[in-house]
């Protein structure tokens, strides 16, 4: 059942990889969508997803309580998708994903919002060796303390045409003579970005999801080494997979995290020490009515450009 055009949804991080899919779905369902972002220019591309004036970018970084309060004023539902994979300054994880998550939840509660969906991650754990994992856990706790009926979604690695996982390793397969394998035995359960966005919509629509935590994974789990082999095959590059000693990995991370874009950080290595799969018995996509999409149906199409022929002969040509 649709909603009226006057129903307002505020989405923090709406210009990001997952956010664009969520904003599109909210607009399609008739919401007026306020997109809270740090850079409104980056969010202007979202405006055509709705009618004139339906998608409204606002400068509202989650580290600014006043801006967050203005962004949620009068909103019926709030979605927080804000996350960072690397710190520019020490403490950024906590400021953005811990304290910032609490700021959004408190503002949503004060504004009288009917629903709040908070995007966390599998691996959120106060005892995590990773600062990322600890900050995600801090954010979950702050959200539920301020807004007990919030729905928490924890996806595994998210894939889609603009992802930073399959695309990054496919680019490496194109450039390097062999593929370095780091933490090859760690298990991952990639989940499609469209399924994550559908899970957000389902959480907003179903009262039973209020106050629940859902772990989102695709239909199949892979070891990191298996995924790298799959990417090499999908791009037709026939690269040999080479295990990298742990000491050398740490040295490489120290160097790479100093470069623009931070291709690999020591904190990310700590995250890779633990499996990133759905916990047995935890509710997930099935409980939200979403059928998970396998990587085979989506990823080969957008990795075609990494093939030697640029994908002109199709995804399965040699």
C-alpha atoms as a PDB file:
ATOM      1  CA  UNK A   1       0.000   0.000   0.000  1.00  0.00           C
ATOM      2  CA  UNK A   2       1.436   3.397  -0.956  1.00  0.00           C
ATOM      3  CA  UNK A   3       1.826   6.466   1.215  1.00  0.00           C
ATOM      4  CA  UNK A   4       0.781  10.028   0.557  1.00  0.00           C
ATOM      5  CA  UNK A   5       3.175  12.502  -0.997  1.00  0.00           C
ATOM      6  CA  UNK A   6       3.229  14.388   2.312  1.00  0.00           C
ATOM      7  CA  UNK A   7       4.812  11.490   4.199  1.00  0.00           C
ATOM      8  CA  UNK A   8       8.436  12.428   4.851  1.00  0.00           C
ATOM      9  CA  UNK A   9      11.418  10.088   5.081  1.00  0.00           C
ATOM     10  CA  UNK A  10      14.866  11.345   6.060  1.00  0.00           C
ATOM     11  CA  UNK A  11      17.801   9.263   4.809  1.00  0.00           C
ATOM     12  CA  UNK A  12      21.272   9.965   6.166  1.00  0.00           C
ATOM     13  CA  UNK A  13      23.999   8.833   3.785  1.00  0.00           C
ATOM     14  CA  UNK A  14      21.490   8.723   0.947  1.00  0.00           C
ATOM     15  CA  UNK A  15      24.003   9.664  -1.751  1.00  0.00           C
ATOM     16  CA  UNK A  16      26.156   6.594  -1.082  1.00  0.00           C
ATOM     17  CA  UNK A  17      26.254   3.201  -2.782  1.00  0.00           C
ATOM     18  CA  UNK A  18      23.371   1.714  -0.770  1.00  0.00           C
ATOM     19  CA  UNK A  19      21.648   5.048  -0.199  1.00  0.00           C
ATOM     20  CA  UNK A  20      20.875   5.659  -3.847  1.00  0.00           C
ATOM     21  CA  UNK A  21      18.885   2.426  -4.001  1.00  0.00           C
ATOM     22  CA  UNK A  22      17.013   3.243  -0.800  1.00  0.00           C
ATOM     23  CA  UNK A  23      16.146   6.778  -1.937  1.00  0.00           C
ATOM     24  CA  UNK A  24      14.859   5.448  -5.258  1.00  0.00           C
ATOM     25  CA  UNK A  25      12.566   2.976  -3.513  1.00  0.00           C
ATOM     26  CA  UNK A  26      11.251   5.519  -1.020  1.00  0.00           C
ATOM     27  CA  UNK A  27      10.474   7.977  -3.821  1.00  0.00           C
ATOM     28  CA  UNK A  28       8.740   5.227  -5.791  1.00  0.00           C
ATOM     29  CA  UNK A  29       6.555   4.547  -2.741  1.00  0.00           C
ATOM     30  CA  UNK A  30       5.516   8.194  -2.609  1.00  0.00           C
ATOM     31  CA  UNK A  31       7.647   9.524   0.221  1.00  0.00           C
ATOM     32  CA  UNK A  32       9.070  13.017   0.194  1.00  0.00           C
ATOM     33  CA  UNK A  33      12.713  12.106   0.755  1.00  0.00           C
ATOM     34  CA  UNK A  34      15.118  14.361   2.598  1.00  0.00           C
ATOM     35  CA  UNK A  35      18.653  13.204   1.878  1.00  0.00           C
ATOM     36  CA  UNK A  36      20.977  14.155   4.738  1.00  0.00           C
ATOM     37  CA  UNK A  37      24.553  14.321   3.483  1.00  0.00           C
ATOM     38  CA  UNK A  38      27.838  16.162   4.041  1.00  0.00           C
ATOM     39  CA  UNK A  39      27.998  17.290   0.403  1.00  0.00           C
ATOM     40  CA  UNK A  40      24.691  18.305  -1.167  1.00  0.00           C
ATOM     41  CA  UNK A  41      26.273  18.545  -4.633  1.00  0.00           C
ATOM     42  CA  UNK A  42      26.859  14.796  -4.529  1.00  0.00           C
ATOM     43  CA  UNK A  43      23.175  14.259  -3.755  1.00  0.00           C
ATOM     44  CA  UNK A  44      21.757  16.445  -6.536  1.00  0.00           C
ATOM     45  CA  UNK A  45      21.925  13.492  -8.926  1.00  0.00           C
ATOM     46  CA  UNK A  46      19.199  11.841  -6.818  1.00  0.00           C
ATOM     47  CA  UNK A  47      16.584  14.478  -7.636  1.00  0.00           C
ATOM     48  CA  UNK A  48      15.387  12.819 -10.879  1.00  0.00           C
ATOM     49  CA  UNK A  49      14.436   9.739  -8.845  1.00  0.00           C
ATOM     50  CA  UNK A  50      11.245  11.546  -7.812  1.00  0.00           C
ATOM     51  CA  UNK A  51       8.853  14.224  -8.959  1.00  0.00           C
ATOM     52  CA  UNK A  52       9.888  17.873  -8.780  1.00  0.00           C
ATOM     53  CA  UNK A  53      10.667  18.679  -5.157  1.00  0.00           C
ATOM     54  CA  UNK A  54      10.170  15.114  -3.949  1.00  0.00           C
ATOM     55  CA  UNK A  55      13.860  14.343  -3.299  1.00  0.00           C
ATOM     56  CA  UNK A  56      15.484  17.125  -1.272  1.00  0.00           C
ATOM     57  CA  UNK A  57      19.235  17.079  -0.468  1.00  0.00           C
ATOM     58  CA  UNK A  58      20.115  18.693   2.869  1.00  0.00           C
ATOM     59  CA  UNK A  59      23.497  19.335   4.423  1.00  0.00           C
ATOM     60  CA  UNK A  60      23.220  17.278   7.593  1.00  0.00           C
ATOM     61  CA  UNK A  61      26.378  15.441   8.677  1.00  0.00           C
ATOM     62  CA  UNK A  62      25.621  13.028  11.514  1.00  0.00           C
ATOM     63  CA  UNK A  63      28.356  14.704  13.564  1.00  0.00           C
ATOM     64  CA  UNK A  64      26.222  17.892  13.739  1.00  0.00           C
ATOM     65  CA  UNK A  65      23.300  17.455  16.208  1.00  0.00           C
ATOM     66  CA  UNK A  66      21.622  20.708  15.149  1.00  0.00           C
ATOM     67  CA  UNK A  67      21.710  19.832  11.444  1.00  0.00           C
ATOM     68  CA  UNK A  68      20.449  16.314  12.171  1.00  0.00           C
ATOM     69  CA  UNK A  69      17.561  17.688  14.246  1.00  0.00           C
ATOM     70  CA  UNK A  70      16.520  20.004  11.406  1.00  0.00           C
ATOM     71  CA  UNK A  71      16.696  17.160   8.883  1.00  0.00           C
ATOM     72  CA  UNK A  72      14.371  14.866  10.869  1.00  0.00           C
ATOM     73  CA  UNK A  73      11.888  17.526  11.976  1.00  0.00           C
ATOM     74  CA  UNK A  74       8.473  16.326  10.810  1.00  0.00           C
ATOM     75  CA  UNK A  75       9.787  13.068   9.326  1.00  0.00           C
ATOM     76  CA  UNK A  76       7.647   9.971   9.801  1.00  0.00           C
ATOM     77  CA  UNK A  77      10.535   7.566   9.148  1.00  0.00           C
ATOM     78  CA  UNK A  78      14.316   7.892   9.400  1.00  0.00           C
ATOM     79  CA  UNK A  79      17.009   5.715   7.820  1.00  0.00           C
ATOM     80  CA  UNK A  80      20.677   5.946   8.799  1.00  0.00           C
ATOM     81  CA  UNK A  81      23.061   4.443   6.233  1.00  0.00           C
ATOM     82  CA  UNK A  82      26.159   6.430   7.157  1.00  0.00           C
ATOM     83  CA  UNK A  83      29.377   4.444   7.376  1.00  0.00           C
ATOM     84  CA  UNK A  84      33.063   4.824   6.579  1.00  0.00           C
ATOM     85  CA  UNK A  85      35.578   2.096   5.730  1.00  0.00           C
ATOM     86  CA  UNK A  86      38.703   3.998   6.754  1.00  0.00           C
ATOM     87  CA  UNK A  87      39.550   6.847   9.105  1.00  0.00           C
ATOM     88  CA  UNK A  88      41.008  10.126   7.915  1.00  0.00           C
ATOM     89  CA  UNK A  89      41.756  11.034  11.511  1.00  0.00           C
ATOM     90  CA  UNK A  90      42.010   8.742  14.548  1.00  0.00           C
ATOM     91  CA  UNK A  91      38.602   8.468  16.177  1.00  0.00           C
ATOM     92  CA  UNK A  92      36.574   8.975  12.983  1.00  0.00           C
ATOM     93  CA  UNK A  93      34.955   5.550  13.313  1.00  0.00           C
ATOM     94  CA  UNK A  94      33.583   6.397  16.760  1.00  0.00           C
ATOM     95  CA  UNK A  95      32.560   9.945  15.844  1.00  0.00           C
ATOM     96  CA  UNK A  96      30.670   8.894  12.710  1.00  0.00           C
ATOM     97  CA  UNK A  97      29.391   5.350  13.296  1.00  0.00           C
ATOM     98  CA  UNK A  98      29.177   5.369  17.093  1.00  0.00           C
ATOM     99  CA  UNK A  99      28.324   8.838  18.334  1.00  0.00           C
ATOM    100  CA  UNK A 100      26.768   9.892  15.017  1.00  0.00           C
ATOM    101  CA  UNK A 101      24.388   6.933  15.069  1.00  0.00           C
ATOM    102  CA  UNK A 102      23.262   7.928  18.565  1.00  0.00           C
ATOM    103  CA  UNK A 103      22.748  11.511  17.438  1.00  0.00           C
ATOM    104  CA  UNK A 104      20.425  10.385  14.639  1.00  0.00           C
ATOM    105  CA  UNK A 105      18.443   8.072  16.934  1.00  0.00           C
ATOM    106  CA  UNK A 106      17.963  10.701  19.640  1.00  0.00           C
ATOM    107  CA  UNK A 107      16.853  13.268  17.067  1.00  0.00           C
ATOM    108  CA  UNK A 108      14.432  10.787  15.479  1.00  0.00           C
ATOM    109  CA  UNK A 109      12.929  10.007  18.885  1.00  0.00           C
ATOM    110  CA  UNK A 110      12.631  13.693  19.790  1.00  0.00           C
ATOM    111  CA  UNK A 111      10.954  14.403  16.450  1.00  0.00           C
ATOM    112  CA  UNK A 112       8.377  11.690  17.073  1.00  0.00           C
ATOM    113  CA  UNK A 113       9.355   9.566  14.069  1.00  0.00           C
ATOM    114  CA  UNK A 114       7.322   6.377  13.791  1.00  0.00           C
ATOM    115  CA  UNK A 115      10.186   4.245  12.510  1.00  0.00           C
ATOM    116  CA  UNK A 116      13.971   4.147  12.381  1.00  0.00           C
ATOM    117  CA  UNK A 117      16.150   1.761  10.378  1.00  0.00           C
ATOM    118  CA  UNK A 118      19.842   1.697  11.248  1.00  0.00           C
ATOM    119  CA  UNK A 119      22.384   0.060   8.936  1.00  0.00           C
ATOM    120  CA  UNK A 120      25.161  -1.620  10.873  1.00  0.00           C
ATOM    121  CA  UNK A 121      27.346  -4.509   9.682  1.00  0.00           C
ATOM    122  CA  UNK A 122      28.069  -8.159  10.364  1.00  0.00           C
ATOM    123  CA  UNK A 123      31.120  -7.942  12.579  1.00  0.00           C
ATOM    124  CA  UNK A 124      29.665  -5.298  14.890  1.00  0.00           C
ATOM    125  CA  UNK A 125      31.029  -6.417  18.258  1.00  0.00           C
ATOM    126  CA  UNK A 126      32.189  -4.444  21.311  1.00  0.00           C
ATOM    127  CA  UNK A 127      34.991  -7.024  21.677  1.00  0.00           C
ATOM    128  CA  UNK A 128      36.081  -6.842  18.021  1.00  0.00           C
ATOM    129  CA  UNK A 129      39.834  -6.476  17.439  1.00  0.00           C
ATOM    130  CA  UNK A 130      38.874  -3.901  14.791  1.00  0.00           C
ATOM    131  CA  UNK A 131      38.026  -0.284  15.640  1.00  0.00           C
ATOM    132  CA  UNK A 132      35.456  -0.444  12.824  1.00  0.00           C
ATOM    133  CA  UNK A 133      33.685  -3.401  14.419  1.00  0.00           C
ATOM    134  CA  UNK A 134      33.724  -1.777  17.869  1.00  0.00           C
ATOM    135  CA  UNK A 135      32.337   1.507  16.500  1.00  0.00           C
ATOM    136  CA  UNK A 136      29.524  -0.325  14.702  1.00  0.00           C
ATOM    137  CA  UNK A 137      28.618  -2.059  17.973  1.00  0.00           C
ATOM    138  CA  UNK A 138      28.710   1.254  19.838  1.00  0.00           C
ATOM    139  CA  UNK A 139      26.364   2.715  17.228  1.00  0.00           C
ATOM    140  CA  UNK A 140      23.883  -0.133  17.606  1.00  0.00           C
ATOM    141  CA  UNK A 141      23.834   0.256  21.391  1.00  0.00           C
ATOM    142  CA  UNK A 142      23.346   4.028  21.157  1.00  0.00           C
ATOM    143  CA  UNK A 143      20.524   3.634  18.634  1.00  0.00           C
ATOM    144  CA  UNK A 144      18.582   1.085  20.674  1.00  0.00           C
ATOM    145  CA  UNK A 145      19.063   3.068  23.884  1.00  0.00           C
ATOM    146  CA  UNK A 146      17.522   6.174  22.305  1.00  0.00           C
ATOM    147  CA  UNK A 147      14.990   4.465  19.996  1.00  0.00           C
ATOM    148  CA  UNK A 148      14.183   0.948  21.307  1.00  0.00           C
ATOM    149  CA  UNK A 149      11.880   0.113  18.378  1.00  0.00           C
ATOM    150  CA  UNK A 150      14.570   0.818  15.776  1.00  0.00           C
ATOM    151  CA  UNK A 151      15.369  -1.954  13.314  1.00  0.00           C
ATOM    152  CA  UNK A 152      19.052  -2.821  12.967  1.00  0.00           C
ATOM    153  CA  UNK A 153      20.271  -4.345   9.693  1.00  0.00           C
ATOM    154  CA  UNK A 154      23.697  -5.981   9.516  1.00  0.00           C
ATOM    155  CA  UNK A 155      24.758  -6.807   5.946  1.00  0.00           C
ATOM    156  CA  UNK A 156      27.781  -8.827   4.928  1.00  0.00           C
ATOM    157  CA  UNK A 157      29.876  -7.513   2.013  1.00  0.00           C
ATOM    158  CA  UNK A 158      27.474  -5.649  -0.292  1.00  0.00           C
ATOM    159  CA  UNK A 159      27.799  -6.081  -4.049  1.00  0.00           C
ATOM    160  CA  UNK A 160      26.388  -4.185  -7.011  1.00  0.00           C
ATOM    161  CA  UNK A 161      27.597  -2.310 -10.109  1.00  0.00           C
ATOM    162  CA  UNK A 162      29.294   0.435  -8.073  1.00  0.00           C
ATOM    163  CA  UNK A 163      30.668  -1.732  -5.250  1.00  0.00           C
ATOM    164  CA  UNK A 164      34.183  -1.402  -3.881  1.00  0.00           C
ATOM    165  CA  UNK A 165      34.730  -5.130  -3.485  1.00  0.00           C
ATOM    166  CA  UNK A 166      34.286  -6.998  -6.762  1.00  0.00           C
ATOM    167  CA  UNK A 167      35.292  -3.959  -8.822  1.00  0.00           C
ATOM    168  CA  UNK A 168      38.466  -3.397  -6.797  1.00  0.00           C
ATOM    169  CA  UNK A 169      39.693  -6.979  -7.082  1.00  0.00           C
ATOM    170  CA  UNK A 170      38.715  -7.196 -10.749  1.00  0.00           C
ATOM    171  CA  UNK A 171      40.855  -4.098 -11.360  1.00  0.00           C
ATOM    172  CA  UNK A 172      43.728  -5.812  -9.549  1.00  0.00           C
ATOM    173  CA  UNK A 173      43.296  -8.907 -11.727  1.00  0.00           C
ATOM    174  CA  UNK A 174      43.558  -6.709 -14.797  1.00  0.00           C
ATOM    175  CA  UNK A 175      46.733  -4.946 -13.616  1.00  0.00           C
ATOM    176  CA  UNK A 176      48.733  -7.553 -11.682  1.00  0.00           C
ATOM    177  CA  UNK A 177      50.499 -10.670 -12.996  1.00  0.00           C
ATOM    178  CA  UNK A 178      49.148 -12.667 -10.029  1.00  0.00           C
ATOM    179  CA  UNK A 179      46.480 -12.188  -7.353  1.00  0.00           C
ATOM    180  CA  UNK A 180      47.697 -11.725  -3.772  1.00  0.00           C
ATOM    181  CA  UNK A 181      45.613 -13.697  -1.264  1.00  0.00           C
ATOM    182  CA  UNK A 182      45.135 -12.206   2.194  1.00  0.00           C
ATOM    183  CA  UNK A 183      43.190 -14.127   4.854  1.00  0.00           C
ATOM    184  CA  UNK A 184      42.156 -16.632   2.191  1.00  0.00           C
ATOM    185  CA  UNK A 185      40.235 -18.894   4.592  1.00  0.00           C
ATOM    186  CA  UNK A 186      37.956 -16.127   5.924  1.00  0.00           C
ATOM    187  CA  UNK A 187      34.348 -16.704   4.879  1.00  0.00           C
ATOM    188  CA  UNK A 188      32.152 -13.975   3.350  1.00  0.00           C
ATOM    189  CA  UNK A 189      28.473 -14.001   2.342  1.00  0.00           C
ATOM    190  CA  UNK A 190      28.052 -11.258  -0.300  1.00  0.00           C
ATOM    191  CA  UNK A 191      24.600  -9.656  -0.395  1.00  0.00           C
ATOM    192  CA  UNK A 192      23.122  -7.715  -3.328  1.00  0.00           C
ATOM    193  CA  UNK A 193      22.643  -3.975  -2.814  1.00  0.00           C
ATOM    194  CA  UNK A 194      19.086  -4.194  -4.160  1.00  0.00           C
ATOM    195  CA  UNK A 195      18.256  -6.832  -1.538  1.00  0.00           C
ATOM    196  CA  UNK A 196      19.636  -4.607   1.220  1.00  0.00           C
ATOM    197  CA  UNK A 197      17.486  -1.712  -0.022  1.00  0.00           C
ATOM    198  CA  UNK A 198      14.454  -4.012  -0.149  1.00  0.00           C
ATOM    199  CA  UNK A 199      15.228  -5.056   3.438  1.00  0.00           C
ATOM    200  CA  UNK A 200      15.170  -1.393   4.499  1.00  0.00           C
ATOM    201  CA  UNK A 201      11.752  -0.957   2.908  1.00  0.00           C
ATOM    202  CA  UNK A 202      10.454  -4.167   4.474  1.00  0.00           C
ATOM    203  CA  UNK A 203      11.686  -3.071   7.906  1.00  0.00           C
ATOM    204  CA  UNK A 204       9.776   0.190   7.540  1.00  0.00           C
ATOM    205  CA  UNK A 205       6.627  -1.580   6.356  1.00  0.00           C
ATOM    206  CA  UNK A 206       6.403  -4.477   8.815  1.00  0.00           C
ATOM    207  CA  UNK A 207       5.613  -3.704  12.490  1.00  0.00           C
ATOM    208  CA  UNK A 208       7.081  -7.074  13.484  1.00  0.00           C
ATOM    209  CA  UNK A 209      10.532  -5.819  12.449  1.00  0.00           C
ATOM    210  CA  UNK A 210      10.497  -3.016  15.056  1.00  0.00           C
ATOM    211  CA  UNK A 211      13.191  -3.508  17.659  1.00  0.00           C
ATOM    212  CA  UNK A 212      14.713  -6.435  15.763  1.00  0.00           C
ATOM    213  CA  UNK A 213      18.222  -7.092  14.479  1.00  0.00           C
ATOM    214  CA  UNK A 214      18.568  -8.791  11.094  1.00  0.00           C
ATOM    215  CA  UNK A 215      21.756 -10.151   9.515  1.00  0.00           C
ATOM    216  CA  UNK A 216      21.741  -9.908   5.730  1.00  0.00           C
ATOM    217  CA  UNK A 217      23.701 -12.335   3.577  1.00  0.00           C
ATOM    218  CA  UNK A 218      23.414 -13.759   0.101  1.00  0.00           C
ATOM    219  CA  UNK A 219      22.407 -17.347  -0.685  1.00  0.00           C
ATOM    220  CA  UNK A 220      25.999 -18.637  -0.593  1.00  0.00           C
ATOM    221  CA  UNK A 221      29.082 -18.178   1.565  1.00  0.00           C
ATOM    222  CA  UNK A 222      32.576 -18.253   0.061  1.00  0.00           C
ATOM    223  CA  UNK A 223      36.106 -18.167   1.400  1.00  0.00           C
ATOM    224  CA  UNK A 224      38.017 -15.056   0.398  1.00  0.00           C
ATOM    225  CA  UNK A 225      40.251 -17.250  -1.771  1.00  0.00           C
ATOM    226  CA  UNK A 226      37.200 -18.741  -3.532  1.00  0.00           C
ATOM    227  CA  UNK A 227      35.871 -15.258  -4.284  1.00  0.00           C
ATOM    228  CA  UNK A 228      39.210 -14.144  -5.718  1.00  0.00           C
ATOM    229  CA  UNK A 229      39.289 -17.253  -7.936  1.00  0.00           C
ATOM    230  CA  UNK A 230      35.710 -16.513  -9.031  1.00  0.00           C
ATOM    231  CA  UNK A 231      36.644 -12.920  -9.928  1.00  0.00           C
ATOM    232  CA  UNK A 232      39.685 -14.057 -11.891  1.00  0.00           C
ATOM    233  CA  UNK A 233      37.513 -16.491 -13.847  1.00  0.00           C
ATOM    234  CA  UNK A 234      34.748 -13.919 -14.420  1.00  0.00           C
ATOM    235  CA  UNK A 235      37.254 -11.473 -15.890  1.00  0.00           C
ATOM    236  CA  UNK A 236      39.002 -14.128 -17.977  1.00  0.00           C
ATOM    237  CA  UNK A 237      42.391 -13.143 -16.620  1.00  0.00           C
ATOM    238  CA  UNK A 238      43.746 -16.584 -15.588  1.00  0.00           C
ATOM    239  CA  UNK A 239      45.856 -15.159 -12.767  1.00  0.00           C
ATOM    240  CA  UNK A 240      47.649 -17.385 -10.264  1.00  0.00           C
ATOM    241  CA  UNK A 241      46.554 -16.867  -6.642  1.00  0.00           C
ATOM    242  CA  UNK A 242      49.516 -16.341  -4.309  1.00  0.00           C
ATOM    243  CA  UNK A 243      49.278 -16.451  -0.516  1.00  0.00           C
ATOM    244  CA  UNK A 244      50.876 -13.390   1.107  1.00  0.00           C
ATOM    245  CA  UNK A 245      52.690 -13.967   4.452  1.00  0.00           C
ATOM    246  CA  UNK A 246      51.042 -12.183   7.388  1.00  0.00           C
ATOM    247  CA  UNK A 247      54.128 -10.095   8.177  1.00  0.00           C
ATOM    248  CA  UNK A 248      54.350  -8.810   4.620  1.00  0.00           C
ATOM    249  CA  UNK A 249      50.620  -8.015   4.615  1.00  0.00           C
ATOM    250  CA  UNK A 250      51.031  -5.863   7.721  1.00  0.00           C
ATOM    251  CA  UNK A 251      53.917  -3.997   6.100  1.00  0.00           C
ATOM    252  CA  UNK A 252      51.926  -3.443   2.908  1.00  0.00           C
ATOM    253  CA  UNK A 253      48.947  -2.175   4.912  1.00  0.00           C
ATOM    254  CA  UNK A 254      51.139   0.319   6.750  1.00  0.00           C
ATOM    255  CA  UNK A 255      52.201   1.715   3.388  1.00  0.00           C
ATOM    256  CA  UNK A 256      48.850   1.516   1.560  1.00  0.00           C
ATOM    257  CA  UNK A 257      46.837   3.203   4.316  1.00  0.00           C
ATOM    258  CA  UNK A 258      48.992   6.309   3.850  1.00  0.00           C
ATOM    259  CA  UNK A 259      48.044   6.636   0.186  1.00  0.00           C
ATOM    260  CA  UNK A 260      44.972   8.523  -1.096  1.00  0.00           C
ATOM    261  CA  UNK A 261      41.955   6.211  -1.136  1.00  0.00           C
ATOM    262  CA  UNK A 262      43.496   3.903   1.515  1.00  0.00           C
ATOM    263  CA  UNK A 263      43.369   0.709  -0.544  1.00  0.00           C
ATOM    264  CA  UNK A 264      44.101  -1.406   2.535  1.00  0.00           C
ATOM    265  CA  UNK A 265      44.365  -0.521   6.218  1.00  0.00           C
ATOM    266  CA  UNK A 266      45.563  -2.436   9.255  1.00  0.00           C
ATOM    267  CA  UNK A 267      42.080  -2.156  10.743  1.00  0.00           C
ATOM    268  CA  UNK A 268      40.597  -3.807   7.650  1.00  0.00           C
ATOM    269  CA  UNK A 269      43.090  -6.649   8.084  1.00  0.00           C
ATOM    270  CA  UNK A 270      41.780  -7.144  11.618  1.00  0.00           C
ATOM    271  CA  UNK A 271      38.228  -7.362  10.238  1.00  0.00           C
ATOM    272  CA  UNK A 272      39.395 -10.007   7.764  1.00  0.00           C
ATOM    273  CA  UNK A 273      40.540 -12.213  10.636  1.00  0.00           C
ATOM    274  CA  UNK A 274      36.890 -13.048  11.372  1.00  0.00           C
ATOM    275  CA  UNK A 275      34.267 -14.667   9.173  1.00  0.00           C
ATOM    276  CA  UNK A 276      31.689 -12.232   7.780  1.00  0.00           C
ATOM    277  CA  UNK A 277      28.667 -14.515   7.452  1.00  0.00           C
ATOM    278  CA  UNK A 278      25.165 -14.618   8.895  1.00  0.00           C
ATOM    279  CA  UNK A 279      25.045 -16.036  12.414  1.00  0.00           C
ATOM    280  CA  UNK A 280      23.072 -19.317  12.511  1.00  0.00           C
ATOM    281  CA  UNK A 281      19.612 -18.719  13.934  1.00  0.00           C
ATOM    282  CA  UNK A 282      19.644 -14.957  13.375  1.00  0.00           C
ATOM    283  CA  UNK A 283      16.708 -13.503  11.414  1.00  0.00           C
ATOM    284  CA  UNK A 284      17.644 -12.169   8.004  1.00  0.00           C
ATOM    285  CA  UNK A 285      16.358 -11.540   4.506  1.00  0.00           C
ATOM    286  CA  UNK A 286      13.891 -14.441   4.608  1.00  0.00           C
ATOM    287  CA  UNK A 287      12.135 -13.026   7.679  1.00  0.00           C
ATOM    288  CA  UNK A 288      11.833  -9.693   5.861  1.00  0.00           C
ATOM    289  CA  UNK A 289      10.325 -11.377   2.804  1.00  0.00           C
ATOM    290  CA  UNK A 290      13.343 -10.786   0.555  1.00  0.00           C
ATOM    291  CA  UNK A 291      14.730 -13.551  -1.664  1.00  0.00           C
ATOM    292  CA  UNK A 292      18.553 -13.232  -1.769  1.00  0.00           C
ATOM    293  CA  UNK A 293      20.212 -12.718  -5.149  1.00  0.00           C
ATOM    294  CA  UNK A 294      23.274 -14.865  -6.029  1.00  0.00           C
ATOM    295  CA  UNK A 295      26.407 -13.175  -7.343  1.00  0.00           C
ATOM    296  CA  UNK A 296      26.172 -15.134 -10.618  1.00  0.00           C
ATOM    297  CA  UNK A 297      23.031 -13.226 -11.630  1.00  0.00           C
ATOM    298  CA  UNK A 298      24.518  -9.750 -11.239  1.00  0.00           C
ATOM    299  CA  UNK A 299      28.292  -9.514 -10.914  1.00  0.00           C
ATOM    300  CA  UNK A 300      29.447 -10.962 -14.280  1.00  0.00           C
ATOM    301  CA  UNK A 301      27.586  -8.221 -16.134  1.00  0.00           C
ATOM    302  CA  UNK A 302      29.429  -5.346 -14.474  1.00  0.00           C
ATOM    303  CA  UNK A 303      32.792  -7.099 -14.433  1.00  0.00           C
ATOM    304  CA  UNK A 304      32.728  -7.507 -18.227  1.00  0.00           C
ATOM    305  CA  UNK A 305      34.603  -4.236 -18.648  1.00  0.00           C
ATOM    306  CA  UNK A 306      37.629  -5.784 -16.905  1.00  0.00           C
ATOM    307  CA  UNK A 307      37.972  -8.526 -19.515  1.00  0.00           C
ATOM    308  CA  UNK A 308      40.713  -8.296 -22.144  1.00  0.00           C
ATOM    309  CA  UNK A 309      38.104  -7.693 -24.855  1.00  0.00           C
ATOM    310  CA  UNK A 310      36.208  -5.166 -22.735  1.00  0.00           C
ATOM    311  CA  UNK A 311      33.274  -7.580 -22.508  1.00  0.00           C
ATOM    312  CA  UNK A 312      32.373  -7.317 -26.176  1.00  0.00           C
ATOM    313  CA  UNK A 313      32.197 -11.116 -26.546  1.00  0.00           C
ATOM    314  CA  UNK A 314      29.940 -11.584 -23.522  1.00  0.00           C
ATOM    315  CA  UNK A 315      30.620 -12.601 -19.926  1.00  0.00           C
ATOM    316  CA  UNK A 316      31.382 -16.261 -20.624  1.00  0.00           C
ATOM    317  CA  UNK A 317      33.694 -15.983 -23.620  1.00  0.00           C
ATOM    318  CA  UNK A 318      37.283 -17.079 -23.217  1.00  0.00           C
END
